[in-house]
Amino acid sequence: MKILFLGDIVGKPGRKSVKELLPKIKEEKGPFDFILANGENGAGGFGLTAKVLDEMMGMGLDCLTSGNHIWDKKEFVPRLAEEMSLLRPANYPPLCPGRGALTLEKKGKRLAVLNLQGRIFMPPIDCPFRCADALLEEIDTPFVLVDFHAEATSEKQALGLYLDGRVSAVVGTHTHVQTADERILPGGTAYITDVGMTGGHDGVIGMRPESVLSRFLTGMPSKFEACESRLILSALSVLLDDAGRAVSLERLQYSLSEKL
């Protein structure tokens, strides 16, 4: 099985990057059995709308994962209970709408996807380690990918090692900066601390620099807007054997020369 995971898609620039570059990646690096992405920043950099979700799913994605920003657009939150291909972190309390795991099925192949969120420098939600244990007890396929949406490198590495040999891949998201530590752990699990960001890379983690610098210099609130230049799609390609163990993985960055 071959899987492609796209890093956090940020606003219109990120969506444009996927639309323009995903066909090229599929041609050069595919075919892929499943294509997934973290989409929590798809609408203007914060959250999702129904229109943006439909646009992104129409680009050939099989599933969207998310994180803490999935709650940013209040009018969209009820959609979480209805959308079967969109996940929110599973370790939010059970009263929260939506679900944190699903099993994709296509052409006779089955891939379980788990979405978890870290707790260091993040909202104090339930334990991602124990949540992963509970979810894995219910999964009946050896092909399992985990999106761990977390801030701290230490927490991401710890979860990767904790799940090593029990899942196929642990892919880190949230920091928007691609890390150069992709590897196969001793038990056969593919791991990367952060797959990176899909969107404008001339700003500050996807946002225009002037709005971010204003907040740092003054401490006052400022409106963040998605950066529109140096568009890059960041991704991770993972090849699995018949037992669900990683055989190889490749960190990818594809760029668009044009500006929005």
Protein backbone atom coordinates (compact mmCIF):
# COMPACT_ATOMS: atom_id res chain seq x y z
CA MET A 1 0.00 0.00 0.00
CA LYS A 2 1.22 3.48 -0.84
CA ILE A 3 -0.04 6.55 1.04
CA LEU A 4 0.45 10.27 0.44
CA PHE A 5 -0.13 12.66 3.33
CA LEU A 6 -0.23 16.43 2.66
CA GLY A 7 0.88 18.87 5.35
CA ASP A 8 -1.46 21.49 6.83
CA ILE A 9 -3.31 23.24 3.98
CA VAL A 10 -3.43 26.97 4.76
CA GLY A 11 -6.11 29.13 3.16
CA LYS A 12 -6.61 29.86 -0.51
CA PRO A 13 -2.85 29.66 -1.25
CA GLY A 14 -2.77 26.16 0.22
CA ARG A 15 -5.82 25.06 -1.74
CA LYS A 16 -4.31 26.44 -4.94
CA SER A 17 -1.09 24.54 -4.22
CA VAL A 18 -3.00 21.27 -3.87
CA LYS A 19 -5.05 21.88 -7.01
CA GLU A 20 -2.00 22.70 -9.14
CA LEU A 21 0.64 20.39 -7.67
CA LEU A 22 -1.17 17.23 -6.56
CA PRO A 23 -1.59 15.96 -10.16
CA LYS A 24 2.16 16.40 -10.69
CA ILE A 25 3.01 14.48 -7.51
CA LYS A 26 0.64 11.67 -8.47
CA GLU A 27 2.28 11.45 -11.89
CA GLU A 28 5.85 11.47 -10.58
CA LYS A 29 5.52 9.61 -7.27
CA GLY A 30 2.31 7.58 -7.58
CA PRO A 31 0.14 5.75 -7.92
CA PHE A 32 -1.18 6.18 -4.39
CA ASP A 33 -3.82 3.98 -2.81
CA PHE A 34 -4.90 6.73 -0.42
CA ILE A 35 -4.29 10.49 -0.30
CA LEU A 36 -4.87 12.34 2.95
CA ALA A 37 -4.27 15.86 4.24
CA ASN A 38 -4.59 17.96 7.34
CA GLY A 39 -7.19 20.59 6.47
CA GLU A 40 -7.91 22.48 9.69
CA ASN A 41 -6.52 25.75 8.25
CA GLY A 42 -8.26 25.48 4.90
CA ALA A 43 -10.55 28.52 5.21
CA GLY A 44 -8.50 31.69 5.49
CA GLY A 45 -5.96 29.91 7.68
CA PHE A 46 -8.36 29.17 10.53
CA GLY A 47 -10.93 26.38 10.46
CA LEU A 48 -13.17 25.23 7.64
CA THR A 49 -16.39 26.19 5.89
CA ALA A 50 -18.73 23.86 4.05
CA LYS A 51 -17.74 25.43 0.71
CA VAL A 52 -14.02 25.06 1.36
CA LEU A 53 -14.43 21.49 2.58
CA ASP A 54 -16.31 20.51 -0.57
CA GLU A 55 -13.65 22.21 -2.71
CA MET A 56 -10.81 20.37 -0.98
CA MET A 57 -12.49 16.97 -1.11
CA GLY A 58 -13.09 17.53 -4.81
CA MET A 59 -9.32 17.63 -5.39
CA GLY A 60 -8.95 13.86 -4.98
CA LEU A 61 -8.42 13.59 -1.23
CA ASP A 62 -9.76 10.51 0.56
CA CYS A 63 -9.77 12.01 4.06
CA LEU A 64 -9.07 15.24 5.92
CA THR A 65 -7.65 15.30 9.43
CA SER A 66 -7.59 18.37 11.64
CA GLY A 67 -6.59 19.81 15.02
CA ASN A 68 -7.32 22.64 17.44
CA HIS A 69 -8.42 25.07 14.70
CA ILE A 70 -11.27 22.82 13.55
CA TRP A 71 -13.53 24.68 16.01
CA ASP A 72 -12.69 28.20 14.74
CA LYS A 73 -15.66 28.60 12.39
CA LYS A 74 -18.59 28.10 14.77
CA GLU A 75 -21.13 27.76 11.98
CA PHE A 76 -19.18 24.80 10.60
CA VAL A 77 -18.94 22.77 13.82
CA PRO A 78 -22.30 20.95 13.30
CA ARG A 79 -20.98 19.65 9.96
CA LEU A 80 -18.45 17.57 11.90
CA ALA A 81 -21.22 15.21 12.96
CA GLU A 82 -22.30 14.70 9.34
CA GLU A 83 -19.10 14.55 7.30
CA MET A 84 -17.78 10.99 7.03
CA SER A 85 -14.37 11.88 5.56
CA LEU A 86 -13.39 14.61 8.02
CA LEU A 87 -11.81 13.86 11.38
CA ARG A 88 -11.27 15.93 14.51
CA PRO A 89 -8.80 14.83 17.21
CA ALA A 90 -10.16 11.74 18.93
CA ASN A 91 -8.98 12.79 22.38
CA TYR A 92 -11.38 15.72 22.65
CA PRO A 93 -14.11 14.85 25.16
CA PRO A 94 -16.88 12.53 23.87
CA LEU A 95 -19.48 15.34 23.97
CA CYS A 96 -17.68 17.13 21.13
CA PRO A 97 -19.23 16.59 17.67
CA GLY A 98 -17.45 14.54 15.04
CA ARG A 99 -15.18 11.53 15.26
CA GLY A 100 -11.49 10.91 15.57
CA ALA A 101 -10.99 7.71 13.60
CA LEU A 102 -12.27 6.04 10.47
CA THR A 103 -11.41 3.17 8.14
CA LEU A 104 -11.13 4.01 4.46
CA GLU A 105 -11.93 1.32 1.91
CA LYS A 106 -10.99 1.48 -1.77
CA LYS A 107 -10.32 -1.18 -4.38
CA GLY A 108 -10.17 -3.94 -1.79
CA LYS A 109 -7.72 -2.08 0.48
CA ARG A 110 -8.48 -0.77 3.96
CA LEU A 111 -6.64 1.99 5.82
CA ALA A 112 -7.51 3.09 9.35
CA VAL A 113 -6.84 6.78 10.08
CA LEU A 114 -6.48 8.09 13.64
CA ASN A 115 -6.43 11.80 14.49
CA LEU A 116 -4.88 12.74 17.85
CA GLN A 117 -3.84 16.03 19.44
CA GLY A 118 -1.00 16.77 21.85
CA ARG A 119 -1.33 18.46 25.24
CA ILE A 120 1.99 20.28 25.72
CA PHE A 121 1.43 24.00 24.91
CA MET A 122 -2.02 22.95 23.66
CA PRO A 123 -5.56 22.81 25.12
CA PRO A 124 -5.77 20.43 28.13
CA ILE A 125 -7.80 17.62 26.57
CA ASP A 126 -7.73 13.86 27.16
CA CYS A 127 -4.55 11.78 26.97
CA PRO A 128 -3.56 10.98 23.36
CA PHE A 129 -1.55 7.92 24.44
CA ARG A 130 -4.44 6.22 26.23
CA CYS A 131 -6.85 7.34 23.52
CA ALA A 132 -4.66 5.64 20.91
CA ASP A 133 -4.66 2.44 22.95
CA ALA A 134 -8.46 2.40 23.07
CA LEU A 135 -8.85 3.13 19.36
CA LEU A 136 -6.39 0.44 18.32
CA GLU A 137 -8.39 -2.20 20.17
CA GLU A 138 -11.28 -1.58 17.77
CA ILE A 139 -9.29 -1.58 14.51
CA ASP A 140 -9.24 -4.72 12.39
CA THR A 141 -6.70 -3.78 9.71
CA PRO A 142 -2.88 -3.73 10.00
CA PHE A 143 -2.75 -0.56 7.90
CA VAL A 144 -3.02 2.35 10.34
CA LEU A 145 -1.94 5.98 9.91
CA VAL A 146 -1.91 8.44 12.82
CA ASP A 147 -1.96 12.22 12.40
CA PHE A 148 -0.55 13.59 15.66
CA HIS A 149 -1.37 17.29 15.78
CA ALA A 150 0.99 18.60 18.43
CA GLU A 151 3.34 21.44 19.31
CA ALA A 152 6.17 19.79 21.23
CA THR A 153 8.76 17.74 19.38
CA SER A 154 9.29 15.61 22.49
CA GLU A 155 5.62 14.67 22.70
CA LYS A 156 5.52 13.74 19.02
CA GLN A 157 8.62 11.56 19.27
CA ALA A 158 7.28 9.93 22.42
CA LEU A 159 4.00 8.97 20.76
CA GLY A 160 5.85 7.67 17.71
CA LEU A 161 7.93 5.35 19.88
CA TYR A 162 4.90 4.41 22.00
CA LEU A 163 3.00 3.28 18.90
CA ASP A 164 6.00 1.80 17.07
CA GLY A 165 5.12 -1.63 15.74
CA ARG A 166 1.41 -1.10 16.36
CA VAL A 167 0.67 1.39 13.57
CA SER A 168 2.01 1.90 10.06
CA ALA A 169 2.85 5.59 10.32
CA VAL A 170 2.85 8.47 12.80
CA VAL A 171 2.77 11.77 10.91
CA GLY A 172 3.20 15.00 12.87
CA THR A 173 1.28 18.15 11.99
CA HIS A 174 0.55 21.61 13.51
CA THR A 175 3.89 23.48 13.53
CA HIS A 176 3.83 24.20 9.77
CA VAL A 177 7.60 23.67 9.52
CA GLN A 178 8.74 20.49 7.79
CA THR A 179 11.28 18.51 9.82
CA ALA A 180 14.15 16.50 8.33
CA ASP A 181 13.83 13.51 10.67
CA GLU A 182 11.72 11.11 8.62
CA ARG A 183 12.64 7.52 9.42
CA ILE A 184 11.38 4.01 9.99
CA LEU A 185 11.32 3.19 13.70
CA PRO A 186 12.65 -0.18 14.96
CA GLY A 187 9.21 -1.79 15.00
CA GLY A 188 8.43 -0.83 11.40
CA THR A 189 6.47 2.40 11.91
CA ALA A 190 7.15 5.33 9.56
CA TYR A 191 7.67 8.57 11.48
CA ILE A 192 8.18 12.29 10.90
CA THR A 193 7.89 15.00 13.55
CA ASP A 194 6.14 17.41 11.19
CA VAL A 195 5.26 16.92 7.54
CA GLY A 196 5.16 20.68 7.02
CA MET A 197 2.74 23.16 5.51
CA THR A 198 0.99 23.56 2.18
CA GLY A 199 0.62 27.24 1.31
CA GLY A 200 2.63 30.49 1.22
CA HIS A 201 6.14 30.17 2.67
CA ASP A 202 7.26 33.83 2.48
CA GLY A 203 5.47 34.67 5.72
CA VAL A 204 5.32 33.30 9.26
CA ILE A 205 3.97 29.72 9.31
CA GLY A 206 1.60 30.56 6.47
CA MET A 207 0.56 34.08 7.45
CA ARG A 208 1.58 37.43 5.96
CA PRO A 209 4.62 38.73 7.87
CA GLU A 210 3.32 42.26 8.49
CA SER A 211 0.34 41.11 10.54
CA VAL A 212 2.40 38.67 12.60
CA LEU A 213 5.23 41.14 13.22
CA SER A 214 2.74 43.72 14.43
CA ARG A 215 1.56 41.39 17.17
CA PHE A 216 5.11 40.57 18.25
CA LEU A 217 6.19 44.23 18.27
CA THR A 218 3.15 45.71 20.01
CA GLY A 219 1.47 42.83 21.85
CA MET A 220 -1.82 44.06 20.41
CA PRO A 221 -4.29 41.86 18.49
CA SER A 222 -3.91 41.90 14.73
CA LYS A 223 -5.76 40.17 11.91
CA PHE A 224 -3.76 37.36 10.35
CA GLU A 225 -4.06 36.83 6.58
CA ALA A 226 -2.72 33.91 4.58
CA CYS A 227 0.60 34.48 2.82
CA GLU A 228 0.22 34.40 -0.96
CA SER A 229 3.79 33.99 -2.22
CA ARG A 230 6.28 31.13 -2.58
CA LEU A 231 3.59 28.49 -2.67
CA ILE A 232 4.85 25.07 -1.59
CA LEU A 233 3.10 21.75 -1.09
CA SER A 234 4.72 19.72 1.70
CA ALA A 235 3.97 16.00 1.94
CA LEU A 236 5.12 12.57 3.01
CA SER A 237 4.93 9.44 0.84
CA VAL A 238 4.90 6.10 2.67
CA LEU A 239 5.13 2.61 1.19
CA LEU A 240 3.84 -0.29 3.33
CA ASP A 241 4.26 -4.04 3.01
CA ASP A 242 1.42 -6.58 3.27
CA ALA A 243 1.74 -6.63 7.06
CA GLY A 244 1.30 -2.86 7.34
CA ARG A 245 4.96 -2.15 8.13
CA ALA A 246 6.79 0.73 6.48
CA VAL A 247 9.16 -0.27 3.68
CA SER A 248 10.18 3.24 2.67
CA LEU A 249 9.16 6.86 3.08
CA GLU A 250 9.98 10.09 1.28
CA ARG A 251 9.64 13.67 2.44
CA LEU A 252 8.40 15.89 -0.40
CA GLN A 253 8.20 19.58 -1.24
CA TYR A 254 6.78 20.78 -4.56
CA SER A 255 6.65 24.51 -5.36
CA LEU A 256 4.70 26.89 -7.59
CA SER A 257 6.68 29.80 -9.01
CA GLU A 258 3.65 32.01 -9.46
CA LYS A 259 2.07 34.33 -6.88
CA LEU A 260 -1.67 34.64 -6.26
